[in-house]
Every structure is written in C-alpha cells, then in structure tokens.
Amino acid sequence: VTKGKPHPEIYQKCAKAINRENANCIVFEDALSGIQAGKSAGSKIV
C-alpha cells in the first residue's frame, strides 16, 4: 500500500485479492483508524 489507514486502500486490495466485493466482506479490526478504513472501503466491521 501507499496510503496507511484510515485510508481504505489496504482493505480494497484485500477484497480484490480474494475476488470479493468489499460490500460482501467483513473486516476484523481493533484500531480506530482500521475500523474507519474498513468502513470507507464499504465493508462490514467486527
């Protein structure tokens, strides 16, 4: 990645890596910046 969390880049690329839409992914996160990154990517959050 070139942009750290809370930018969604990492989670956008994760979804692509497993051939999924972000809307169909759940991100497991603990950090506030990571939670925001997951939300900004359009994913659900645990």
ModelCIF file with pLDDT and N, C-alpha, C, O atoms, coordinates in Angstrom:
data_MODEL
#
_entry.id   MODEL 
#
_entity.id                         1 
_entity.type                       polymer 
_entity.pdbx_number_of_molecules   1 
#
_entity_poly.entity_id                      1 
_entity_poly.type                           'polypeptide(L)' 
_entity_poly.nstd_linkage                   no 
_entity_poly.nstd_monomer                   no 
_entity_poly.pdbx_seq_one_letter_code       VTKGKPHPEIYQKCAKAINRENANCIVFEDALSGIQAGKSAGSKIV 
_entity_poly.pdbx_seq_one_letter_code_can   VTKGKPHPEIYQKCAKAINRENANCIVFEDALSGIQAGKSAGSKIV 
_entity_poly.pdbx_strand_id                 A 
#
loop_
_entity_poly_seq.entity_id 
_entity_poly_seq.num 
_entity_poly_seq.mon_id 
_entity_poly_seq.hetero 
1 1  VAL n 
1 2  THR n 
1 3  LYS n 
1 4  GLY n 
1 5  LYS n 
1 6  PRO n 
1 7  HIS n 
1 8  PRO n 
1 9  GLU n 
1 10 ILE n 
1 11 TYR n 
1 12 GLN n 
1 13 LYS n 
1 14 CYS n 
1 15 ALA n 
1 16 LYS n 
1 17 ALA n 
1 18 ILE n 
1 19 ASN n 
1 20 ARG n 
1 21 GLU n 
1 22 ASN n 
1 23 ALA n 
1 24 ASN n 
1 25 CYS n 
1 26 ILE n 
1 27 VAL n 
1 28 PHE n 
1 29 GLU n 
1 30 ASP n 
1 31 ALA n 
1 32 LEU n 
1 33 SER n 
1 34 GLY n 
1 35 ILE n 
1 36 GLN n 
1 37 ALA n 
1 38 GLY n 
1 39 LYS n 
1 40 SER n 
1 41 ALA n 
1 42 GLY n 
1 43 SER n 
1 44 LYS n 
1 45 ILE n 
1 46 VAL n 
#
_struct_asym.id          A 
_struct_asym.entity_id   1 
#
loop_
_ma_qa_metric.id 
_ma_qa_metric.mode 
_ma_qa_metric.name 
_ma_qa_metric.software_group_id 
_ma_qa_metric.type 
1 global pLDDT . pLDDT 
2 local  pLDDT . pLDDT 
#
_ma_qa_metric_global.metric_id      1 
_ma_qa_metric_global.metric_value   95.50 
_ma_qa_metric_global.model_id       1 
_ma_qa_metric_global.ordinal_id     1 
#
loop_
_ma_qa_metric_local.label_asym_id 
_ma_qa_metric_local.label_comp_id 
_ma_qa_metric_local.label_seq_id 
_ma_qa_metric_local.metric_id 
_ma_qa_metric_local.metric_value 
_ma_qa_metric_local.model_id 
_ma_qa_metric_local.ordinal_id 
A VAL 1  2 89.00 1 1  
A THR 2  2 85.00 1 2  
A LYS 3  2 87.00 1 3  
A GLY 4  2 84.00 1 4  
A LYS 5  2 88.00 1 5  
A PRO 6  2 92.00 1 6  
A HIS 7  2 94.00 1 7  
A PRO 8  2 96.00 1 8  
A GLU 9  2 96.00 1 9  
A ILE 10 2 96.00 1 10 
A TYR 11 2 97.00 1 11 
A GLN 12 2 98.00 1 12 
A LYS 13 2 98.00 1 13 
A CYS 14 2 98.00 1 14 
A ALA 15 2 98.00 1 15 
A LYS 16 2 98.00 1 16 
A ALA 17 2 98.00 1 17 
A ILE 18 2 98.00 1 18 
A ASN 19 2 97.00 1 19 
A ARG 20 2 97.00 1 20 
A GLU 21 2 97.00 1 21 
A ASN 22 2 98.00 1 22 
A ALA 23 2 97.00 1 23 
A ASN 24 2 97.00 1 24 
A CYS 25 2 98.00 1 25 
A ILE 26 2 98.00 1 26 
A VAL 27 2 98.00 1 27 
A PHE 28 2 98.00 1 28 
A GLU 29 2 97.00 1 29 
A ASP 30 2 95.00 1 30 
A ALA 31 2 91.00 1 31 
A LEU 32 2 91.00 1 32 
A SER 33 2 91.00 1 33 
A GLY 34 2 93.00 1 34 
A ILE 35 2 96.00 1 35 
A GLN 36 2 96.00 1 36 
A ALA 37 2 96.00 1 37 
A GLY 38 2 98.00 1 38 
A LYS 39 2 98.00 1 39 
A SER 40 2 98.00 1 40 
A ALA 41 2 98.00 1 41 
A GLY 42 2 98.00 1 42 
A SER 43 2 98.00 1 43 
A LYS 44 2 98.00 1 44 
A ILE 45 2 98.00 1 45 
A VAL 46 2 98.00 1 46 
#
loop_
_atom_site.group_PDB 
_atom_site.id 
_atom_site.type_symbol 
_atom_site.label_atom_id 
_atom_site.label_alt_id 
_atom_site.label_comp_id 
_atom_site.label_asym_id 
_atom_site.label_entity_id 
_atom_site.label_seq_id 
_atom_site.pdbx_PDB_ins_code 
_atom_site.Cartn_x 
_atom_site.Cartn_y 
_atom_site.Cartn_z 
_atom_site.occupancy 
_atom_site.B_iso_or_equiv 
_atom_site.pdbx_formal_charge 
_atom_site.auth_seq_id 
_atom_site.auth_comp_id 
_atom_site.auth_asym_id 
_atom_site.auth_atom_id 
_atom_site.pdbx_PDB_model_num 
ATOM 1   N N  . VAL A 1 1  ? 0.831   -1.202  0.000  1.00 89.00 ? 1  VAL A N  1 
ATOM 2   C CA . VAL A 1 1  ? 0.000   0.000   0.000  1.00 89.00 ? 1  VAL A CA 1 
ATOM 3   C C  . VAL A 1 1  ? 0.868   1.256   0.000  1.00 89.00 ? 1  VAL A C  1 
ATOM 4   O O  . VAL A 1 1  ? 2.015   1.246   0.449  1.00 89.00 ? 1  VAL A O  1 
ATOM 5   N N  . THR A 1 2  ? 0.297   2.312   -0.507 1.00 85.00 ? 2  THR A N  1 
ATOM 6   C CA . THR A 1 2  ? 0.965   3.617   -0.474 1.00 85.00 ? 2  THR A CA 1 
ATOM 7   C C  . THR A 1 2  ? 0.311   4.549   0.539  1.00 85.00 ? 2  THR A C  1 
ATOM 8   O O  . THR A 1 2  ? 0.897   5.560   0.928  1.00 85.00 ? 2  THR A O  1 
ATOM 9   N N  . LYS A 1 3  ? -0.892  4.212   0.960  1.00 87.00 ? 3  LYS A N  1 
ATOM 10  C CA . LYS A 1 3  ? -1.634  5.048   1.908  1.00 87.00 ? 3  LYS A CA 1 
ATOM 11  C C  . LYS A 1 3  ? -2.014  4.201   3.123  1.00 87.00 ? 3  LYS A C  1 
ATOM 12  O O  . LYS A 1 3  ? -2.629  3.144   2.984  1.00 87.00 ? 3  LYS A O  1 
ATOM 13  N N  . GLY A 1 4  ? -1.643  4.673   4.308  1.00 84.00 ? 4  GLY A N  1 
ATOM 14  C CA . GLY A 1 4  ? -1.970  3.948   5.525  1.00 84.00 ? 4  GLY A CA 1 
ATOM 15  C C  . GLY A 1 4  ? -3.412  4.157   5.960  1.00 84.00 ? 4  GLY A C  1 
ATOM 16  O O  . GLY A 1 4  ? -4.099  5.053   5.469  1.00 84.00 ? 4  GLY A O  1 
ATOM 17  N N  . LYS A 1 5  ? -3.855  3.327   6.876  1.00 88.00 ? 5  LYS A N  1 
ATOM 18  C CA . LYS A 1 5  ? -5.176  3.506   7.479  1.00 88.00 ? 5  LYS A CA 1 
ATOM 19  C C  . LYS A 1 5  ? -5.205  4.872   8.173  1.00 88.00 ? 5  LYS A C  1 
ATOM 20  O O  . LYS A 1 5  ? -4.193  5.265   8.754  1.00 88.00 ? 5  LYS A O  1 
ATOM 21  N N  . PRO A 1 6  ? -6.316  5.610   8.137  1.00 92.00 ? 6  PRO A N  1 
ATOM 22  C CA . PRO A 1 6  ? -7.694  5.195   7.802  1.00 92.00 ? 6  PRO A CA 1 
ATOM 23  C C  . PRO A 1 6  ? -8.051  5.188   6.316  1.00 92.00 ? 6  PRO A C  1 
ATOM 24  O O  . PRO A 1 6  ? -9.215  4.982   5.973  1.00 92.00 ? 6  PRO A O  1 
ATOM 25  N N  . HIS A 1 7  ? -7.090  5.406   5.434  1.00 94.00 ? 7  HIS A N  1 
ATOM 26  C CA . HIS A 1 7  ? -7.399  5.264   4.010  1.00 94.00 ? 7  HIS A CA 1 
ATOM 27  C C  . HIS A 1 7  ? -7.792  3.809   3.740  1.00 94.00 ? 7  HIS A C  1 
ATOM 28  O O  . HIS A 1 7  ? -7.199  2.894   4.312  1.00 94.00 ? 7  HIS A O  1 
ATOM 29  N N  . PRO A 1 8  ? -8.773  3.589   2.883  1.00 96.00 ? 8  PRO A N  1 
ATOM 30  C CA . PRO A 1 8  ? -9.291  2.224   2.671  1.00 96.00 ? 8  PRO A CA 1 
ATOM 31  C C  . PRO A 1 8  ? -8.442  1.359   1.748  1.00 96.00 ? 8  PRO A C  1 
ATOM 32  O O  . PRO A 1 8  ? -8.814  0.213   1.494  1.00 96.00 ? 8  PRO A O  1 
ATOM 33  N N  . GLU A 1 9  ? -7.322  1.855   1.236  1.00 96.00 ? 9  GLU A N  1 
ATOM 34  C CA . GLU A 1 9  ? -6.561  1.129   0.216  1.00 96.00 ? 9  GLU A CA 1 
ATOM 35  C C  . GLU A 1 9  ? -6.276  -0.319  0.594  1.00 96.00 ? 9  GLU A C  1 
ATOM 36  O O  . GLU A 1 9  ? -6.491  -1.219  -0.218 1.00 96.00 ? 9  GLU A O  1 
ATOM 37  N N  . ILE A 1 10 ? -5.796  -0.560  1.813  1.00 96.00 ? 10 ILE A N  1 
ATOM 38  C CA . ILE A 1 10 ? -5.416  -1.916  2.207  1.00 96.00 ? 10 ILE A CA 1 
ATOM 39  C C  . ILE A 1 10 ? -6.593  -2.878  2.128  1.00 96.00 ? 10 ILE A C  1 
ATOM 40  O O  . ILE A 1 10 ? -6.436  -4.020  1.695  1.00 96.00 ? 10 ILE A O  1 
ATOM 41  N N  . TYR A 1 11 ? -7.773  -2.419  2.546  1.00 97.00 ? 11 TYR A N  1 
ATOM 42  C CA . TYR A 1 11 ? -8.929  -3.314  2.554  1.00 97.00 ? 11 TYR A CA 1 
ATOM 43  C C  . TYR A 1 11 ? -9.586  -3.428  1.186  1.00 97.00 ? 11 TYR A C  1 
ATOM 44  O O  . TYR A 1 11 ? -10.233 -4.433  0.893  1.00 97.00 ? 11 TYR A O  1 
ATOM 45  N N  . GLN A 1 12 ? -9.431  -2.426  0.361  1.00 98.00 ? 12 GLN A N  1 
ATOM 46  C CA . GLN A 1 12 ? -9.873  -2.551  -1.024 1.00 98.00 ? 12 GLN A CA 1 
ATOM 47  C C  . GLN A 1 12 ? -9.042  -3.608  -1.746 1.00 98.00 ? 12 GLN A C  1 
ATOM 48  O O  . GLN A 1 12 ? -9.574  -4.425  -2.498 1.00 98.00 ? 12 GLN A O  1 
ATOM 49  N N  . LYS A 1 13 ? -7.742  -3.581  -1.509 1.00 98.00 ? 13 LYS A N  1 
ATOM 50  C CA . LYS A 1 13 ? -6.853  -4.555  -2.148 1.00 98.00 ? 13 LYS A CA 1 
ATOM 51  C C  . LYS A 1 13 ? -7.047  -5.955  -1.579 1.00 98.00 ? 13 LYS A C  1 
ATOM 52  O O  . LYS A 1 13 ? -6.890  -6.944  -2.296 1.00 98.00 ? 13 LYS A O  1 
ATOM 53  N N  . CYS A 1 14 ? -7.387  -6.046  -0.295 1.00 98.00 ? 14 CYS A N  1 
ATOM 54  C CA . CYS A 1 14 ? -7.664  -7.348  0.302  1.00 98.00 ? 14 CYS A CA 1 
ATOM 55  C C  . CYS A 1 14 ? -8.865  -8.015  -0.348 1.00 98.00 ? 14 CYS A C  1 
ATOM 56  O O  . CYS A 1 14 ? -8.826  -9.201  -0.674 1.00 98.00 ? 14 CYS A O  1 
ATOM 57  N N  . ALA A 1 15 ? -9.926  -7.253  -0.534 1.00 98.00 ? 15 ALA A N  1 
ATOM 58  C CA . ALA A 1 15 ? -11.128 -7.806  -1.163 1.00 98.00 ? 15 ALA A CA 1 
ATOM 59  C C  . ALA A 1 15 ? -10.817 -8.292  -2.581 1.00 98.00 ? 15 ALA A C  1 
ATOM 60  O O  . ALA A 1 15 ? -11.251 -9.367  -2.992 1.00 98.00 ? 15 ALA A O  1 
ATOM 61  N N  . LYS A 1 16 ? -10.068 -7.491  -3.307 1.00 98.00 ? 16 LYS A N  1 
ATOM 62  C CA . LYS A 1 16 ? -9.700  -7.864  -4.677 1.00 98.00 ? 16 LYS A CA 1 
ATOM 63  C C  . LYS A 1 16 ? -8.857  -9.130  -4.690 1.00 98.00 ? 16 LYS A C  1 
ATOM 64  O O  . LYS A 1 16 ? -8.979  -9.958  -5.593 1.00 98.00 ? 16 LYS A O  1 
ATOM 65  N N  . ALA A 1 17 ? -7.997  -9.276  -3.680 1.00 98.00 ? 17 ALA A N  1 
ATOM 66  C CA . ALA A 1 17 ? -7.093  -10.428 -3.617 1.00 98.00 ? 17 ALA A CA 1 
ATOM 67  C C  . ALA A 1 17 ? -7.841  -11.748 -3.461 1.00 98.00 ? 17 ALA A C  1 
ATOM 68  O O  . ALA A 1 17 ? -7.354  -12.796 -3.885 1.00 98.00 ? 17 ALA A O  1 
ATOM 69  N N  . ILE A 1 18 ? -9.019  -11.695 -2.853 1.00 98.00 ? 18 ILE A N  1 
ATOM 70  C CA . ILE A 1 18 ? -9.811  -12.921 -2.682 1.00 98.00 ? 18 ILE A CA 1 
ATOM 71  C C  . ILE A 1 18 ? -11.045 -12.928 -3.591 1.00 98.00 ? 18 ILE A C  1 
ATOM 72  O O  . ILE A 1 18 ? -11.980 -13.705 -3.399 1.00 98.00 ? 18 ILE A O  1 
ATOM 73  N N  . ASN A 1 19 ? -11.015 -12.030 -4.592 1.00 97.00 ? 19 ASN A N  1 
ATOM 74  C CA . ASN A 1 19 ? -12.076 -11.995 -5.611 1.00 97.00 ? 19 ASN A CA 1 
ATOM 75  C C  . ASN A 1 19 ? -13.453 -11.769 -5.000 1.00 97.00 ? 19 ASN A C  1 
ATOM 76  O O  . ASN A 1 19 ? -14.422 -12.455 -5.327 1.00 97.00 ? 19 ASN A O  1 
ATOM 77  N N  . ARG A 1 20 ? -13.510 -10.793 -4.109 1.00 97.00 ? 20 ARG A N  1 
ATOM 78  C CA . ARG A 1 20 ? -14.770 -10.437 -3.459 1.00 97.00 ? 20 ARG A CA 1 
ATOM 79  C C  . ARG A 1 20 ? -15.018 -8.935  -3.575 1.00 97.00 ? 20 ARG A C  1 
ATOM 80  O O  . ARG A 1 20 ? -14.083 -8.145  -3.704 1.00 97.00 ? 20 ARG A O  1 
ATOM 81  N N  . GLU A 1 21 ? -16.287 -8.560  -3.526 1.00 97.00 ? 21 GLU A N  1 
ATOM 82  C CA . GLU A 1 21 ? -16.651 -7.147  -3.403 1.00 97.00 ? 21 GLU A CA 1 
ATOM 83  C C  . GLU A 1 21 ? -16.506 -6.744  -1.945 1.00 97.00 ? 21 GLU A C  1 
ATOM 84  O O  . GLU A 1 21 ? -16.773 -7.544  -1.048 1.00 97.00 ? 21 GLU A O  1 
ATOM 85  N N  . ASN A 1 22 ? -16.086 -5.505  -1.701 1.00 98.00 ? 22 ASN A N  1 
ATOM 86  C CA . ASN A 1 22 ? -15.959 -5.055  -0.315 1.00 98.00 ? 22 ASN A CA 1 
ATOM 87  C C  . ASN A 1 22 ? -17.274 -5.135  0.442  1.00 98.00 ? 22 ASN A C  1 
ATOM 88  O O  . ASN A 1 22 ? -17.289 -5.391  1.646  1.00 98.00 ? 22 ASN A O  1 
ATOM 89  N N  . ALA A 1 23 ? -18.369 -4.919  -0.256 1.00 97.00 ? 23 ALA A N  1 
ATOM 90  C CA . ALA A 1 23 ? -19.681 -4.977  0.392  1.00 97.00 ? 23 ALA A CA 1 
ATOM 91  C C  . ALA A 1 23 ? -19.997 -6.372  0.915  1.00 97.00 ? 23 ALA A C  1 
ATOM 92  O O  . ALA A 1 23 ? -20.853 -6.529  1.786  1.00 97.00 ? 23 ALA A O  1 
ATOM 93  N N  . ASN A 1 24 ? -19.311 -7.387  0.388  1.00 97.00 ? 24 ASN A N  1 
ATOM 94  C CA . ASN A 1 24 ? -19.523 -8.762  0.832  1.00 97.00 ? 24 ASN A CA 1 
ATOM 95  C C  . ASN A 1 24 ? -18.424 -9.248  1.761  1.00 97.00 ? 24 ASN A C  1 
ATOM 96  O O  . ASN A 1 24 ? -18.300 -10.446 2.017  1.00 97.00 ? 24 ASN A O  1 
ATOM 97  N N  . CYS A 1 25 ? -17.622 -8.308  2.267  1.00 98.00 ? 25 CYS A N  1 
ATOM 98  C CA . CYS A 1 25 ? -16.525 -8.666  3.162  1.00 98.00 ? 25 CYS A CA 1 
ATOM 99  C C  . CYS A 1 25 ? -16.763 -8.128  4.568  1.00 98.00 ? 25 CYS A C  1 
ATOM 100 O O  . CYS A 1 25 ? -17.401 -7.094  4.761  1.00 98.00 ? 25 CYS A O  1 
ATOM 101 N N  . ILE A 1 26 ? -16.235 -8.854  5.534  1.00 98.00 ? 26 ILE A N  1 
ATOM 102 C CA . ILE A 1 26 ? -16.189 -8.379  6.916  1.00 98.00 ? 26 ILE A CA 1 
ATOM 103 C C  . ILE A 1 26 ? -14.730 -8.148  7.273  1.00 98.00 ? 26 ILE A C  1 
ATOM 104 O O  . ILE A 1 26 ? -13.879 -9.013  7.064  1.00 98.00 ? 26 ILE A O  1 
ATOM 105 N N  . VAL A 1 27 ? -14.455 -6.971  7.813  1.00 98.00 ? 27 VAL A N  1 
ATOM 106 C CA . VAL A 1 27 ? -13.121 -6.631  8.293  1.00 98.00 ? 27 VAL A CA 1 
ATOM 107 C C  . VAL A 1 27 ? -13.090 -6.802  9.804  1.00 98.00 ? 27 VAL A C  1 
ATOM 108 O O  . VAL A 1 27 ? -13.932 -6.255  10.516 1.00 98.00 ? 27 VAL A O  1 
ATOM 109 N N  . PHE A 1 28 ? -12.116 -7.565  10.289 1.00 98.00 ? 28 PHE A N  1 
ATOM 110 C CA . PHE A 1 28 ? -11.895 -7.725  11.724 1.00 98.00 ? 28 PHE A CA 1 
ATOM 111 C C  . PHE A 1 28 ? -10.799 -6.759  12.135 1.00 98.00 ? 28 PHE A C  1 
ATOM 112 O O  . PHE A 1 28 ? -9.661  -6.875  11.680 1.00 98.00 ? 28 PHE A O  1 
ATOM 113 N N  . GLU A 1 29 ? -11.137 -5.810  12.990 1.00 97.00 ? 29 GLU A N  1 
ATOM 114 C CA . GLU A 1 29 ? -10.220 -4.721  13.345 1.00 97.00 ? 29 GLU A CA 1 
ATOM 115 C C  . GLU A 1 29 ? -10.309 -4.384  14.815 1.00 97.00 ? 29 GLU A C  1 
ATOM 116 O O  . GLU A 1 29 ? -11.327 -4.623  15.465 1.00 97.00 ? 29 GLU A O  1 
ATOM 117 N N  . ASP A 1 30 ? -9.224  -3.822  15.332 1.00 95.00 ? 30 ASP A N  1 
ATOM 118 C CA . ASP A 1 30 ? -9.207  -3.325  16.714 1.00 95.00 ? 30 ASP A CA 1 
ATOM 119 C C  . ASP A 1 30 ? -8.922  -1.842  16.788 1.00 95.00 ? 30 ASP A C  1 
ATOM 120 O O  . ASP A 1 30 ? -9.346  -1.182  17.737 1.00 95.00 ? 30 ASP A O  1 
ATOM 121 N N  . ALA A 1 31 ? -8.206  -1.296  15.799 1.00 91.00 ? 31 ALA A N  1 
ATOM 122 C CA . ALA A 1 31 ? -7.768  0.104   15.839 1.00 91.00 ? 31 ALA A CA 1 
ATOM 123 C C  . ALA A 1 31 ? -8.829  1.022   15.249 1.00 91.00 ? 31 ALA A C  1 
ATOM 124 O O  . ALA A 1 31 ? -9.529  0.651   14.306 1.00 91.00 ? 31 ALA A O  1 
ATOM 125 N N  . LEU A 1 32 ? -8.942  2.218   15.808 1.00 91.00 ? 32 LEU A N  1 
ATOM 126 C CA . LEU A 1 32 ? -9.933  3.167   15.312 1.00 91.00 ? 32 LEU A CA 1 
ATOM 127 C C  . LEU A 1 32 ? -9.670  3.526   13.858 1.00 91.00 ? 32 LEU A C  1 
ATOM 128 O O  . LEU A 1 32 ? -10.603 3.631   13.063 1.00 91.00 ? 32 LEU A O  1 
ATOM 129 N N  . SER A 1 33 ? -8.396  3.714   13.506 1.00 91.00 ? 33 SER A N  1 
ATOM 130 C CA . SER A 1 33 ? -8.062  4.049   12.119 1.00 91.00 ? 33 SER A CA 1 
ATOM 131 C C  . SER A 1 33 ? -8.395  2.886   11.188 1.00 91.00 ? 33 SER A C  1 
ATOM 132 O O  . SER A 1 33 ? -8.807  3.103   10.049 1.00 91.00 ? 33 SER A O  1 
ATOM 133 N N  . GLY A 1 34 ? -8.220  1.662   11.663 1.00 93.00 ? 34 GLY A N  1 
ATOM 134 C CA . GLY A 1 34 ? -8.529  0.494   10.848 1.00 93.00 ? 34 GLY A CA 1 
ATOM 135 C C  . GLY A 1 34 ? -10.018 0.297   10.664 1.00 93.00 ? 34 GLY A C  1 
ATOM 136 O O  . GLY A 1 34 ? -10.474 -0.083  9.586  1.00 93.00 ? 34 GLY A O  1 
ATOM 137 N N  . ILE A 1 35 ? -10.771 0.553   11.714 1.00 96.00 ? 35 ILE A N  1 
ATOM 138 C CA . ILE A 1 35 ? -12.232 0.474   11.612 1.00 96.00 ? 35 ILE A CA 1 
ATOM 139 C C  . ILE A 1 35 ? -12.734 1.466   10.573 1.00 96.00 ? 35 ILE A C  1 
ATOM 140 O O  . ILE A 1 35 ? -13.594 1.140   9.755  1.00 96.00 ? 35 ILE A O  1 
ATOM 141 N N  . GLN A 1 36 ? -12.189 2.682   10.611 1.00 96.00 ? 36 GLN A N  1 
ATOM 142 C CA . GLN A 1 36 ? -12.582 3.686   9.626  1.00 96.00 ? 36 GLN A CA 1 
ATOM 143 C C  . GLN A 1 36 ? -12.189 3.256   8.224  1.00 96.00 ? 36 GLN A C  1 
ATOM 144 O O  . GLN A 1 36 ? -12.939 3.476   7.273  1.00 96.00 ? 36 GLN A O  1 
ATOM 145 N N  . ALA A 1 37 ? -11.008 2.639   8.088  1.00 96.00 ? 37 ALA A N  1 
ATOM 146 C CA . ALA A 1 37 ? -10.566 2.156   6.778  1.00 96.00 ? 37 ALA A CA 1 
ATOM 147 C C  . ALA A 1 37 ? -11.525 1.105   6.229  1.00 96.00 ? 37 ALA A C  1 
ATOM 148 O O  . ALA A 1 37 ? -11.881 1.136   5.051  1.00 96.00 ? 37 ALA A O  1 
ATOM 149 N N  . GLY A 1 38 ? -11.941 0.176   7.086  1.00 98.00 ? 38 GLY A N  1 
ATOM 150 C CA . GLY A 1 38 ? -12.876 -0.850  6.659  1.00 98.00 ? 38 GLY A CA 1 
ATOM 151 C C  . GLY A 1 38 ? -14.215 -0.276  6.246  1.00 98.00 ? 38 GLY A C  1 
ATOM 152 O O  . GLY A 1 38 ? -14.791 -0.683  5.237  1.00 98.00 ? 38 GLY A O  1 
ATOM 153 N N  . LYS A 1 39 ? -14.709 0.669   7.024  1.00 98.00 ? 39 LYS A N  1 
ATOM 154 C CA . LYS A 1 39 ? -15.983 1.308   6.691  1.00 98.00 ? 39 LYS A CA 1 
ATOM 155 C C  . LYS A 1 39 ? -15.883 2.077   5.377  1.00 98.00 ? 39 LYS A C  1 
ATOM 156 O O  . LYS A 1 39 ? -16.781 2.013   4.538  1.00 98.00 ? 39 LYS A O  1 
ATOM 157 N N  . SER A 1 40 ? -14.778 2.804   5.209  1.00 98.00 ? 40 SER A N  1 
ATOM 158 C CA . SER A 1 40 ? -14.593 3.595   3.995  1.00 98.00 ? 40 SER A CA 1 
ATOM 159 C C  . SER A 1 40 ? -14.481 2.709   2.761  1.00 98.00 ? 40 SER A C  1 
ATOM 160 O O  . SER A 1 40 ? -14.832 3.121   1.655  1.00 98.00 ? 40 SER A O  1 
ATOM 161 N N  . ALA A 1 41 ? -13.986 1.482   2.961  1.00 98.00 ? 41 ALA A N  1 
ATOM 162 C CA . ALA A 1 41 ? -13.906 0.540   1.853  1.00 98.00 ? 41 ALA A CA 1 
ATOM 163 C C  . ALA A 1 41 ? -15.272 -0.035  1.495  1.00 98.00 ? 41 ALA A C  1 
ATOM 164 O O  . ALA A 1 41 ? -15.444 -0.627  0.430  1.00 98.00 ? 41 ALA A O  1 
ATOM 165 N N  . GLY A 1 42 ? -16.246 0.143   2.394  1.00 98.00 ? 42 GLY A N  1 
ATOM 166 C CA . GLY A 1 42 ? -17.592 -0.366  2.151  1.00 98.00 ? 42 GLY A CA 1 
ATOM 167 C C  . GLY A 1 42 ? -17.862 -1.727  2.741  1.00 98.00 ? 42 GLY A C  1 
ATOM 168 O O  . GLY A 1 42 ? -18.834 -2.388  2.375  1.00 98.00 ? 42 GLY A O  1 
ATOM 169 N N  . SER A 1 43 ? -17.000 -2.156  3.662  1.00 98.00 ? 43 SER A N  1 
ATOM 170 C CA . SER A 1 43 ? -17.145 -3.477  4.265  1.00 98.00 ? 43 SER A CA 1 
ATOM 171 C C  . SER A 1 43 ? -17.859 -3.413  5.608  1.00 98.00 ? 43 SER A C  1 
ATOM 172 O O  . SER A 1 43 ? -17.966 -2.346  6.213  1.00 98.00 ? 43 SER A O  1 
ATOM 173 N N  . LYS A 1 44 ? -18.337 -4.544  6.062  1.00 98.00 ? 44 LYS A N  1 
ATOM 174 C CA . LYS A 1 44 ? -18.870 -4.678  7.407  1.00 98.00 ? 44 LYS A CA 1 
ATOM 175 C C  . LYS A 1 44 ? -17.703 -4.772  8.389  1.00 98.00 ? 44 LYS A C  1 
ATOM 176 O O  . LYS A 1 44 ? -16.578 -5.088  8.000  1.00 98.00 ? 44 LYS A O  1 
ATOM 177 N N  . ILE A 1 45 ? -17.980 -4.496  9.662  1.00 98.00 ? 45 ILE A N  1 
ATOM 178 C CA . ILE A 1 45 ? -16.916 -4.441  10.664 1.00 98.00 ? 45 ILE A CA 1 
ATOM 179 C C  . ILE A 1 45 ? -17.251 -5.320  11.863 1.00 98.00 ? 45 ILE A C  1 
ATOM 180 O O  . ILE A 1 45 ? -18.334 -5.221  12.440 1.00 98.00 ? 45 ILE A O  1 
ATOM 181 N N  . VAL A 1 46 ? -16.301 -6.184  12.228 1.00 98.00 ? 46 VAL A N  1 
ATOM 182 C CA . VAL A 1 46 ? -16.300 -6.809  13.541 1.00 98.00 ? 46 VAL A CA 1 
ATOM 183 C C  . VAL A 1 46 ? -15.138 -6.180  14.300 1.00 98.00 ? 46 VAL A C  1 
ATOM 184 O O  . VAL A 1 46 ? -14.897 -6.526  15.457 1.00 98.00 ? 46 VAL A O  1 
#
